[in-house]
PDB file of N, CA and C in Angstrom:
ATOM      1  N   MET A   1     -13.170   2.398 -30.580  1.00  0.00           N
ATOM      2  CA  MET A   1     -14.252   2.230 -29.622  1.00  0.00           C
ATOM      3  C   MET A   1     -13.658   1.906 -28.249  1.00  0.00           C
ATOM      4  N   ALA A   2     -14.219   2.456 -27.236  1.00  0.00           N
ATOM      5  CA  ALA A   2     -13.782   2.213 -25.863  1.00  0.00           C
ATOM      6  C   ALA A   2     -14.295   0.865 -25.366  1.00  0.00           C
ATOM      7  N   LYS A   3     -13.687   0.397 -24.300  1.00  0.00           N
ATOM      8  CA  LYS A   3     -14.167  -0.837 -23.675  1.00  0.00           C
ATOM      9  C   LYS A   3     -13.995  -0.712 -22.170  1.00  0.00           C
ATOM     10  N   ILE A   4     -14.771  -1.492 -21.432  1.00  0.00           N
ATOM     11  CA  ILE A   4     -14.678  -1.466 -19.979  1.00  0.00           C
ATOM     12  C   ILE A   4     -14.367  -2.856 -19.452  1.00  0.00           C
ATOM     13  N   THR A   5     -13.762  -2.891 -18.292  1.00  0.00           N
ATOM     14  CA  THR A   5     -13.597  -4.144 -17.573  1.00  0.00           C
ATOM     15  C   THR A   5     -14.256  -3.976 -16.214  1.00  0.00           C
ATOM     16  N   ILE A   6     -14.886  -5.033 -15.761  1.00  0.00           N
ATOM     17  CA  ILE A   6     -15.611  -5.007 -14.489  1.00  0.00           C
ATOM     18  C   ILE A   6     -15.039  -6.084 -13.578  1.00  0.00           C
ATOM     19  N   ASN A   7     -14.644  -5.698 -12.386  1.00  0.00           N
ATOM     20  CA  ASN A   7     -14.177  -6.660 -11.395  1.00  0.00           C
ATOM     21  C   ASN A   7     -15.409  -7.231 -10.696  1.00  0.00           C
ATOM     22  N   ARG A   8     -15.838  -8.400 -11.147  1.00  0.00           N
ATOM     23  CA  ARG A   8     -17.074  -9.011 -10.644  1.00  0.00           C
ATOM     24  C   ARG A   8     -17.005  -9.349  -9.153  1.00  0.00           C
ATOM     25  N   GLU A   9     -15.836  -9.654  -8.651  1.00  0.00           N
ATOM     26  CA  GLU A   9     -15.716 -10.032  -7.246  1.00  0.00           C
ATOM     27  C   GLU A   9     -15.838  -8.829  -6.303  1.00  0.00           C
ATOM     28  N   LYS A  10     -15.455  -7.660  -6.760  1.00  0.00           N
ATOM     29  CA  LYS A  10     -15.585  -6.454  -5.934  1.00  0.00           C
ATOM     30  C   LYS A  10     -16.982  -5.843  -6.027  1.00  0.00           C
ATOM     31  N   CYS A  11     -17.700  -6.127  -7.094  1.00  0.00           N
ATOM     32  CA  CYS A  11     -19.013  -5.524  -7.344  1.00  0.00           C
ATOM     33  C   CYS A  11     -20.034  -5.988  -6.303  1.00  0.00           C
ATOM     34  N   LYS A  12     -20.789  -5.020  -5.763  1.00  0.00           N
ATOM     35  CA  LYS A  12     -21.823  -5.367  -4.787  1.00  0.00           C
ATOM     36  C   LYS A  12     -23.229  -5.300  -5.386  1.00  0.00           C
ATOM     37  N   GLY A  13     -23.306  -5.054  -6.686  1.00  0.00           N
ATOM     38  CA  GLY A  13     -24.593  -5.062  -7.377  1.00  0.00           C
ATOM     39  C   GLY A  13     -25.482  -3.883  -7.065  1.00  0.00           C
ATOM     40  N   CYS A  14     -24.912  -2.707  -6.838  1.00  0.00           N
ATOM     41  CA  CYS A  14     -25.717  -1.529  -6.497  1.00  0.00           C
ATOM     42  C   CYS A  14     -26.459  -0.962  -7.718  1.00  0.00           C
ATOM     43  N   LEU A  15     -26.009  -1.291  -8.913  1.00  0.00           N
ATOM     44  CA  LEU A  15     -26.631  -0.907 -10.191  1.00  0.00           C
ATOM     45  C   LEU A  15     -26.547   0.584 -10.512  1.00  0.00           C
ATOM     46  N   LEU A  16     -25.715   1.333  -9.806  1.00  0.00           N
ATOM     47  CA  LEU A  16     -25.554   2.746 -10.132  1.00  0.00           C
ATOM     48  C   LEU A  16     -25.018   2.914 -11.551  1.00  0.00           C
ATOM     49  N   CYS A  17     -24.089   2.058 -11.940  1.00  0.00           N
ATOM     50  CA  CYS A  17     -23.503   2.150 -13.282  1.00  0.00           C
ATOM     51  C   CYS A  17     -24.537   1.828 -14.366  1.00  0.00           C
ATOM     52  N   VAL A  18     -25.446   0.920 -14.076  1.00  0.00           N
ATOM     53  CA  VAL A  18     -26.496   0.568 -15.039  1.00  0.00           C
ATOM     54  C   VAL A  18     -27.370   1.780 -15.317  1.00  0.00           C
ATOM     55  N   ASN A  19     -27.698   2.511 -14.271  1.00  0.00           N
ATOM     56  CA  ASN A  19     -28.581   3.674 -14.408  1.00  0.00           C
ATOM     57  C   ASN A  19     -27.913   4.867 -15.078  1.00  0.00           C
ATOM     58  N   VAL A  20     -26.589   4.974 -14.972  1.00  0.00           N
ATOM     59  CA  VAL A  20     -25.902   6.152 -15.488  1.00  0.00           C
ATOM     60  C   VAL A  20     -25.362   5.954 -16.916  1.00  0.00           C
ATOM     61  N   CYS A  21     -25.279   4.746 -17.408  1.00  0.00           N
ATOM     62  CA  CYS A  21     -24.720   4.487 -18.741  1.00  0.00           C
ATOM     63  C   CYS A  21     -25.634   5.053 -19.828  1.00  0.00           C
ATOM     64  N   PRO A  22     -25.133   6.008 -20.638  1.00  0.00           N
ATOM     65  CA  PRO A  22     -25.989   6.633 -21.664  1.00  0.00           C
ATOM     66  C   PRO A  22     -26.380   5.695 -22.798  1.00  0.00           C
ATOM     67  N   LYS A  23     -25.625   4.623 -23.002  1.00  0.00           N
ATOM     68  CA  LYS A  23     -25.916   3.658 -24.064  1.00  0.00           C
ATOM     69  C   LYS A  23     -26.636   2.414 -23.551  1.00  0.00           C
ATOM     70  N   GLY A  24     -26.809   2.287 -22.253  1.00  0.00           N
ATOM     71  CA  GLY A  24     -27.445   1.101 -21.685  1.00  0.00           C
ATOM     72  C   GLY A  24     -26.611  -0.145 -21.906  1.00  0.00           C
ATOM     73  N   SER A  25     -25.294   0.006 -21.868  1.00  0.00           N
ATOM     74  CA  SER A  25     -24.376  -1.088 -22.191  1.00  0.00           C
ATOM     75  C   SER A  25     -24.043  -1.994 -21.015  1.00  0.00           C
ATOM     76  N   ILE A  26     -24.499  -1.646 -19.834  1.00  0.00           N
ATOM     77  CA  ILE A  26     -24.213  -2.436 -18.638  1.00  0.00           C
ATOM     78  C   ILE A  26     -25.515  -2.995 -18.099  1.00  0.00           C
ATOM     79  N   LYS A  27     -25.482  -4.260 -17.693  1.00  0.00           N
ATOM     80  CA  LYS A  27     -26.688  -4.899 -17.148  1.00  0.00           C
ATOM     81  C   LYS A  27     -26.321  -5.700 -15.913  1.00  0.00           C
ATOM     82  N   GLN A  28     -27.329  -6.048 -15.153  1.00  0.00           N
ATOM     83  CA  GLN A  28     -27.119  -6.892 -13.988  1.00  0.00           C
ATOM     84  C   GLN A  28     -26.931  -8.323 -14.468  1.00  0.00           C
ATOM     85  N   GLY A  29     -25.911  -8.988 -13.950  1.00  0.00           N
ATOM     86  CA  GLY A  29     -25.655 -10.371 -14.319  1.00  0.00           C
ATOM     87  C   GLY A  29     -26.633 -11.321 -13.648  1.00  0.00           C
ATOM     88  N   LYS A  30     -26.597 -12.569 -14.085  1.00  0.00           N
ATOM     89  CA  LYS A  30     -27.502 -13.575 -13.527  1.00  0.00           C
ATOM     90  C   LYS A  30     -26.857 -14.397 -12.423  1.00  0.00           C
ATOM     91  N   SER A  31     -25.523 -14.523 -12.466  1.00  0.00           N
ATOM     92  CA  SER A  31     -24.851 -15.353 -11.477  1.00  0.00           C
ATOM     93  C   SER A  31     -24.344 -14.511 -10.308  1.00  0.00           C
ATOM     94  N   LEU A  32     -24.187 -15.165  -9.170  1.00  0.00           N
ATOM     95  CA  LEU A  32     -23.733 -14.502  -7.957  1.00  0.00           C
ATOM     96  C   LEU A  32     -22.212 -14.542  -7.860  1.00  0.00           C
ATOM     97  N   ASN A  33     -21.637 -13.493  -7.292  1.00  0.00           N
ATOM     98  CA  ASN A  33     -20.197 -13.507  -7.033  1.00  0.00           C
ATOM     99  C   ASN A  33     -19.958 -14.070  -5.637  1.00  0.00           C
ATOM    100  N   SER A  34     -18.713 -14.016  -5.163  1.00  0.00           N
ATOM    101  CA  SER A  34     -18.390 -14.600  -3.856  1.00  0.00           C
ATOM    102  C   SER A  34     -19.050 -13.864  -2.693  1.00  0.00           C
ATOM    103  N   LYS A  35     -19.483 -12.612  -2.914  1.00  0.00           N
ATOM    104  CA  LYS A  35     -20.182 -11.849  -1.877  1.00  0.00           C
ATOM    105  C   LYS A  35     -21.685 -12.141  -1.859  1.00  0.00           C
ATOM    106  N   GLY A  36     -22.144 -12.907  -2.833  1.00  0.00           N
ATOM    107  CA  GLY A  36     -23.565 -13.215  -2.925  1.00  0.00           C
ATOM    108  C   GLY A  36     -24.363 -12.154  -3.659  1.00  0.00           C
ATOM    109  N   ALA A  37     -23.677 -11.290  -4.393  1.00  0.00           N
ATOM    110  CA  ALA A  37     -24.343 -10.221  -5.145  1.00  0.00           C
ATOM    111  C   ALA A  37     -24.371 -10.567  -6.629  1.00  0.00           C
ATOM    112  N   LYS A  38     -25.388 -10.097  -7.304  1.00  0.00           N
ATOM    113  CA  LYS A  38     -25.455 -10.253  -8.752  1.00  0.00           C
ATOM    114  C   LYS A  38     -24.665  -9.100  -9.367  1.00  0.00           C
ATOM    115  N   ALA A  39     -23.432  -9.383  -9.707  1.00  0.00           N
ATOM    116  CA  ALA A  39     -22.534  -8.361 -10.238  1.00  0.00           C
ATOM    117  C   ALA A  39     -22.985  -7.943 -11.633  1.00  0.00           C
ATOM    118  N   VAL A  40     -22.623  -6.719 -12.008  1.00  0.00           N
ATOM    119  CA  VAL A  40     -22.980  -6.206 -13.332  1.00  0.00           C
ATOM    120  C   VAL A  40     -22.043  -6.776 -14.389  1.00  0.00           C
ATOM    121  N   GLU A  41     -22.475  -6.689 -15.630  1.00  0.00           N
ATOM    122  CA  GLU A  41     -21.649  -7.141 -16.750  1.00  0.00           C
ATOM    123  C   GLU A  41     -21.933  -6.274 -17.968  1.00  0.00           C
ATOM    124  N   PHE A  42     -20.995  -6.274 -18.890  1.00  0.00           N
ATOM    125  CA  PHE A  42     -21.124  -5.516 -20.127  1.00  0.00           C
ATOM    126  C   PHE A  42     -21.991  -6.319 -21.091  1.00  0.00           C
ATOM    127  N   ARG A  43     -22.986  -5.693 -21.684  1.00  0.00           N
ATOM    128  CA  ARG A  43     -23.875  -6.384 -22.619  1.00  0.00           C
ATOM    129  C   ARG A  43     -23.111  -6.848 -23.853  1.00  0.00           C
ATOM    130  N   GLU A  44     -23.448  -8.014 -24.315  1.00  0.00           N
ATOM    131  CA  GLU A  44     -22.825  -8.558 -25.520  1.00  0.00           C
ATOM    132  C   GLU A  44     -23.162  -7.684 -26.722  1.00  0.00           C
ATOM    133  N   ASN A  45     -22.177  -7.367 -27.529  1.00  0.00           N
ATOM    134  CA  ASN A  45     -22.312  -6.523 -28.723  1.00  0.00           C
ATOM    135  C   ASN A  45     -22.748  -5.090 -28.402  1.00  0.00           C
ATOM    136  N   ALA A  46     -22.521  -4.661 -27.175  1.00  0.00           N
ATOM    137  CA  ALA A  46     -22.891  -3.299 -26.786  1.00  0.00           C
ATOM    138  C   ALA A  46     -21.804  -2.315 -27.208  1.00  0.00           C
ATOM    139  N   GLU A  47     -22.170  -1.056 -27.223  1.00  0.00           N
ATOM    140  CA  GLU A  47     -21.252   0.010 -27.596  1.00  0.00           C
ATOM    141  C   GLU A  47     -20.896   0.824 -26.362  1.00  0.00           C
ATOM    142  N   CYS A  48     -19.627   1.195 -26.268  1.00  0.00           N
ATOM    143  CA  CYS A  48     -19.168   2.023 -25.152  1.00  0.00           C
ATOM    144  C   CYS A  48     -18.614   3.323 -25.715  1.00  0.00           C
ATOM    145  N   LEU A  49     -19.094   4.439 -25.194  1.00  0.00           N
ATOM    146  CA  LEU A  49     -18.629   5.752 -25.639  1.00  0.00           C
ATOM    147  C   LEU A  49     -17.312   6.153 -24.993  1.00  0.00           C
ATOM    148  N   GLY A  50     -16.968   5.524 -23.885  1.00  0.00           N
ATOM    149  CA  GLY A  50     -15.781   5.900 -23.141  1.00  0.00           C
ATOM    150  C   GLY A  50     -15.993   7.130 -22.289  1.00  0.00           C
ATOM    151  N   CYS A  51     -17.229   7.424 -21.931  1.00  0.00           N
ATOM    152  CA  CYS A  51     -17.555   8.628 -21.157  1.00  0.00           C
ATOM    153  C   CYS A  51     -17.079   8.533 -19.705  1.00  0.00           C
ATOM    154  N   MET A  52     -16.820   7.318 -19.241  1.00  0.00           N
ATOM    155  CA  MET A  52     -16.326   7.040 -17.891  1.00  0.00           C
ATOM    156  C   MET A  52     -17.323   7.320 -16.770  1.00  0.00           C
ATOM    157  N   MET A  53     -18.567   7.567 -17.092  1.00  0.00           N
ATOM    158  CA  MET A  53     -19.561   7.838 -16.051  1.00  0.00           C
ATOM    159  C   MET A  53     -19.748   6.630 -15.134  1.00  0.00           C
ATOM    160  N   CYS A  54     -19.678   5.432 -15.696  1.00  0.00           N
ATOM    161  CA  CYS A  54     -19.840   4.220 -14.898  1.00  0.00           C
ATOM    162  C   CYS A  54     -18.705   4.078 -13.882  1.00  0.00           C
ATOM    163  N   ALA A  55     -17.478   4.340 -14.319  1.00  0.00           N
ATOM    164  CA  ALA A  55     -16.320   4.230 -13.430  1.00  0.00           C
ATOM    165  C   ALA A  55     -16.345   5.290 -12.339  1.00  0.00           C
ATOM    166  N   VAL A  56     -16.786   6.485 -12.682  1.00  0.00           N
ATOM    167  CA  VAL A  56     -16.832   7.580 -11.713  1.00  0.00           C
ATOM    168  C   VAL A  56     -17.887   7.331 -10.641  1.00  0.00           C
ATOM    169  N   ILE A  57     -19.015   6.779 -11.023  1.00  0.00           N
ATOM    170  CA  ILE A  57     -20.110   6.600 -10.063  1.00  0.00           C
ATOM    171  C   ILE A  57     -19.963   5.336  -9.214  1.00  0.00           C
ATOM    172  N   CYS A  58     -19.126   4.396  -9.636  1.00  0.00           N
ATOM    173  CA  CYS A  58     -18.978   3.143  -8.899  1.00  0.00           C
ATOM    174  C   CYS A  58     -18.327   3.386  -7.537  1.00  0.00           C
ATOM    175  N   PRO A  59     -19.029   3.102  -6.438  1.00  0.00           N
ATOM    176  CA  PRO A  59     -18.491   3.383  -5.104  1.00  0.00           C
ATOM    177  C   PRO A  59     -17.337   2.460  -4.706  1.00  0.00           C
ATOM    178  N   ASP A  60     -17.191   1.329  -5.387  1.00  0.00           N
ATOM    179  CA  ASP A  60     -16.139   0.374  -5.036  1.00  0.00           C
ATOM    180  C   ASP A  60     -15.038   0.272  -6.085  1.00  0.00           C
ATOM    181  N   CYS A  61     -15.048   1.188  -7.057  1.00  0.00           N
ATOM    182  CA  CYS A  61     -14.005   1.235  -8.101  1.00  0.00           C
ATOM    183  C   CYS A  61     -13.843  -0.107  -8.810  1.00  0.00           C
ATOM    184  N   CYS A  62     -14.954  -0.689  -9.220  1.00  0.00           N
ATOM    185  CA  CYS A  62     -14.955  -1.994  -9.877  1.00  0.00           C
ATOM    186  C   CYS A  62     -14.798  -1.894 -11.390  1.00  0.00           C
ATOM    187  N   ILE A  63     -14.930  -0.701 -11.945  1.00  0.00           N
ATOM    188  CA  ILE A  63     -14.967  -0.536 -13.399  1.00  0.00           C
ATOM    189  C   ILE A  63     -13.778   0.282 -13.873  1.00  0.00           C
ATOM    190  N   GLU A  64     -13.123  -0.223 -14.912  1.00  0.00           N
ATOM    191  CA  GLU A  64     -12.049   0.510 -15.571  1.00  0.00           C
ATOM    192  C   GLU A  64     -12.433   0.726 -17.019  1.00  0.00           C
ATOM    193  N   VAL A  65     -12.183   1.923 -17.541  1.00  0.00           N
ATOM    194  CA  VAL A  65     -12.533   2.264 -18.915  1.00  0.00           C
ATOM    195  C   VAL A  65     -11.250   2.447 -19.711  1.00  0.00           C
ATOM    196  N   TYR A  66     -11.210   1.807 -20.885  1.00  0.00           N
ATOM    197  CA  TYR A  66     -10.057   1.900 -21.780  1.00  0.00           C
ATOM    198  C   TYR A  66     -10.512   2.491 -23.097  1.00  0.00           C
ATOM    199  N   LYS A  67      -9.795   3.524 -23.541  1.00  0.00           N
ATOM    200  CA  LYS A  67     -10.133   4.166 -24.801  1.00  0.00           C
ATOM    201  C   LYS A  67      -9.188   3.705 -25.889  1.00  0.00           C
TER     202      LYS A  67
END
């Protein structure tokens, strides 16, 4: 199974990755990062296909996908 890492400090909370994830595995977090944005996070017990759509669409390159 693939997994992703999200750089919460670089994330500006645009939610593009949330909308593009085919499994709905990414959600908006509740806490603010140093920029004052609600950074995204990987849902607990979620599944990742490794499709890399989230990493490709992220304008700030905050997401890395590992297969």
